[in-house]
């Protein structure tokens, strides 16, 4: 049970880090994050999707 919880936490952290560091330079991944993930990630912190929006050239609201 402890390893499952650790795996979920590491997966969530990896998901956020990919959004911050990898997605801004990958057009298809950036588009997916903007369409699907940023809506939910912005609830945690607007700074998570800021690099994606800067990479796409879109304005932040």
N, C-alpha and C. Protein backbone atom coordinates (compact mmCIF):
# COMPACT_ATOMS: atom_id res chain seq x y z
N UNK A 1 0.82 -1.19 0.00
CA UNK A 1 0.00 0.00 0.00
C UNK A 1 0.87 1.26 0.00
N UNK A 2 1.94 1.22 0.75
CA UNK A 2 2.84 2.37 0.81
C UNK A 2 3.48 2.62 -0.55
N UNK A 3 3.86 1.56 -1.25
CA UNK A 3 4.49 1.74 -2.56
C UNK A 3 3.49 2.27 -3.59
N UNK A 4 2.23 1.90 -3.47
CA UNK A 4 1.21 2.43 -4.37
C UNK A 4 1.02 3.93 -4.15
N UNK A 5 0.96 4.33 -2.91
CA UNK A 5 0.83 5.75 -2.59
C UNK A 5 2.04 6.53 -3.09
N UNK A 6 3.22 5.98 -2.90
CA UNK A 6 4.44 6.61 -3.39
C UNK A 6 4.41 6.74 -4.91
N UNK A 7 3.95 5.70 -5.59
CA UNK A 7 3.86 5.72 -7.05
C UNK A 7 2.89 6.80 -7.53
N UNK A 8 1.77 6.95 -6.87
CA UNK A 8 0.79 7.98 -7.24
C UNK A 8 1.37 9.37 -7.04
N UNK A 9 2.03 9.59 -5.93
CA UNK A 9 2.63 10.89 -5.64
C UNK A 9 3.73 11.22 -6.64
N UNK A 10 4.59 10.27 -6.93
CA UNK A 10 5.66 10.49 -7.90
C UNK A 10 5.08 10.75 -9.29
N UNK A 11 4.02 10.04 -9.65
CA UNK A 11 3.36 10.25 -10.94
C UNK A 11 2.78 11.65 -11.06
N UNK A 12 2.15 12.14 -10.00
CA UNK A 12 1.58 13.49 -10.01
C UNK A 12 2.68 14.54 -10.13
N UNK A 13 3.75 14.35 -9.41
CA UNK A 13 4.87 15.29 -9.48
C UNK A 13 5.49 15.28 -10.88
N UNK A 14 5.64 14.09 -11.46
CA UNK A 14 6.19 13.99 -12.81
C UNK A 14 5.28 14.68 -13.83
N UNK A 15 3.97 14.52 -13.67
CA UNK A 15 3.00 15.15 -14.56
C UNK A 15 3.16 16.67 -14.54
N UNK A 16 3.31 17.23 -13.36
CA UNK A 16 3.48 18.67 -13.22
C UNK A 16 4.82 19.13 -13.79
N UNK A 17 5.88 18.39 -13.51
CA UNK A 17 7.20 18.78 -14.02
C UNK A 17 7.28 18.70 -15.53
N UNK A 18 6.64 17.70 -16.12
CA UNK A 18 6.61 17.62 -17.58
C UNK A 18 5.89 18.83 -18.15
N UNK A 19 4.80 19.22 -17.49
CA UNK A 19 4.07 20.41 -17.94
C UNK A 19 4.89 21.68 -17.85
N UNK A 20 5.75 21.76 -16.86
CA UNK A 20 6.54 22.98 -16.66
C UNK A 20 7.80 23.04 -17.53
N UNK A 21 8.44 21.89 -17.74
CA UNK A 21 9.75 21.92 -18.38
C UNK A 21 9.82 21.28 -19.77
N UNK A 22 8.98 20.31 -20.05
CA UNK A 22 9.06 19.63 -21.34
C UNK A 22 8.01 20.17 -22.32
N UNK A 23 6.79 20.35 -21.86
CA UNK A 23 5.69 20.75 -22.73
C UNK A 23 5.91 22.08 -23.45
N UNK A 24 6.52 23.09 -22.84
CA UNK A 24 6.69 24.36 -23.59
C UNK A 24 7.50 24.22 -24.87
N UNK A 25 8.36 23.24 -24.97
CA UNK A 25 9.18 23.09 -26.17
C UNK A 25 8.64 22.06 -27.15
N UNK A 26 7.57 21.36 -26.79
CA UNK A 26 6.97 20.34 -27.65
C UNK A 26 5.57 20.79 -28.06
N UNK A 27 5.36 21.19 -29.32
CA UNK A 27 4.07 21.76 -29.72
C UNK A 27 2.86 20.87 -29.45
N UNK A 28 2.94 19.58 -29.75
CA UNK A 28 1.79 18.71 -29.55
C UNK A 28 1.49 18.52 -28.07
N UNK A 29 2.51 18.35 -27.28
CA UNK A 29 2.33 18.18 -25.83
C UNK A 29 1.84 19.49 -25.21
N UNK A 30 2.38 20.61 -25.67
CA UNK A 30 1.95 21.92 -25.17
C UNK A 30 0.46 22.13 -25.44
N UNK A 31 0.02 21.77 -26.65
CA UNK A 31 -1.39 21.92 -27.01
C UNK A 31 -2.27 21.05 -26.13
N UNK A 32 -1.83 19.82 -25.86
CA UNK A 32 -2.62 18.92 -25.01
C UNK A 32 -2.73 19.48 -23.59
N UNK A 33 -1.63 19.94 -23.05
CA UNK A 33 -1.66 20.51 -21.70
C UNK A 33 -2.58 21.74 -21.65
N UNK A 34 -2.51 22.61 -22.66
CA UNK A 34 -3.36 23.80 -22.67
C UNK A 34 -4.84 23.42 -22.73
N UNK A 35 -5.16 22.42 -23.55
CA UNK A 35 -6.57 22.03 -23.70
C UNK A 35 -7.11 21.25 -22.53
N UNK A 36 -6.31 20.38 -21.95
CA UNK A 36 -6.83 19.42 -20.98
C UNK A 36 -6.36 19.61 -19.54
N UNK A 37 -5.11 19.95 -19.35
CA UNK A 37 -4.55 19.91 -17.99
C UNK A 37 -4.49 21.27 -17.31
N UNK A 38 -4.27 22.32 -18.06
CA UNK A 38 -4.06 23.63 -17.42
C UNK A 38 -5.29 24.11 -16.66
N UNK A 39 -6.45 23.72 -17.11
CA UNK A 39 -7.67 24.09 -16.40
C UNK A 39 -7.63 23.61 -14.95
N UNK A 40 -7.12 22.41 -14.75
CA UNK A 40 -7.06 21.83 -13.41
C UNK A 40 -5.79 22.25 -12.66
N UNK A 41 -4.68 22.36 -13.38
CA UNK A 41 -3.43 22.75 -12.74
C UNK A 41 -3.47 24.20 -12.26
N UNK A 42 -4.22 25.06 -12.95
CA UNK A 42 -4.34 26.45 -12.52
C UNK A 42 -5.04 26.58 -11.18
N UNK A 43 -5.84 25.60 -10.81
CA UNK A 43 -6.50 25.62 -9.51
C UNK A 43 -5.49 25.44 -8.39
N UNK A 44 -4.42 24.69 -8.67
CA UNK A 44 -3.37 24.50 -7.67
C UNK A 44 -2.46 25.72 -7.62
N UNK A 45 -2.00 26.16 -8.80
CA UNK A 45 -1.13 27.33 -8.89
C UNK A 45 -1.09 27.79 -10.35
N UNK A 46 -1.34 29.07 -10.61
CA UNK A 46 -1.28 29.57 -11.99
C UNK A 46 0.14 29.55 -12.57
N UNK A 47 1.13 29.43 -11.71
CA UNK A 47 2.51 29.42 -12.19
C UNK A 47 2.90 28.12 -12.88
N UNK A 48 2.13 27.06 -12.68
CA UNK A 48 2.47 25.77 -13.30
C UNK A 48 2.34 25.86 -14.81
N UNK A 49 1.27 26.46 -15.30
CA UNK A 49 1.04 26.53 -16.75
C UNK A 49 1.62 27.79 -17.39
N UNK A 50 2.20 28.66 -16.62
CA UNK A 50 2.76 29.89 -17.17
C UNK A 50 3.81 29.62 -18.26
N UNK A 51 4.75 28.69 -18.07
CA UNK A 51 5.73 28.44 -19.14
C UNK A 51 5.09 27.89 -20.41
N UNK A 52 4.01 27.12 -20.26
CA UNK A 52 3.32 26.58 -21.43
C UNK A 52 2.67 27.71 -22.21
N UNK A 53 2.01 28.61 -21.49
CA UNK A 53 1.36 29.74 -22.16
C UNK A 53 2.39 30.67 -22.81
N UNK A 54 3.52 30.87 -22.14
CA UNK A 54 4.58 31.70 -22.73
C UNK A 54 5.15 31.05 -23.99
N UNK A 55 5.28 29.74 -23.96
CA UNK A 55 5.79 29.02 -25.12
C UNK A 55 4.82 29.02 -26.28
N UNK A 56 3.54 29.07 -25.98
CA UNK A 56 2.52 29.09 -27.03
C UNK A 56 2.25 30.51 -27.51
N UNK A 57 2.68 31.49 -26.75
CA UNK A 57 2.44 32.88 -27.13
C UNK A 57 1.04 33.35 -26.81
N UNK A 58 0.35 32.64 -25.92
CA UNK A 58 -1.00 33.04 -25.54
C UNK A 58 -0.95 33.92 -24.31
N UNK A 59 -1.99 34.71 -24.14
CA UNK A 59 -2.05 35.59 -22.97
C UNK A 59 -2.60 34.85 -21.77
N UNK A 60 -2.09 35.21 -20.61
CA UNK A 60 -2.61 34.68 -19.36
C UNK A 60 -3.79 35.51 -18.91
N UNK A 61 -4.77 34.84 -18.33
CA UNK A 61 -5.93 35.57 -17.79
C UNK A 61 -5.88 35.63 -16.31
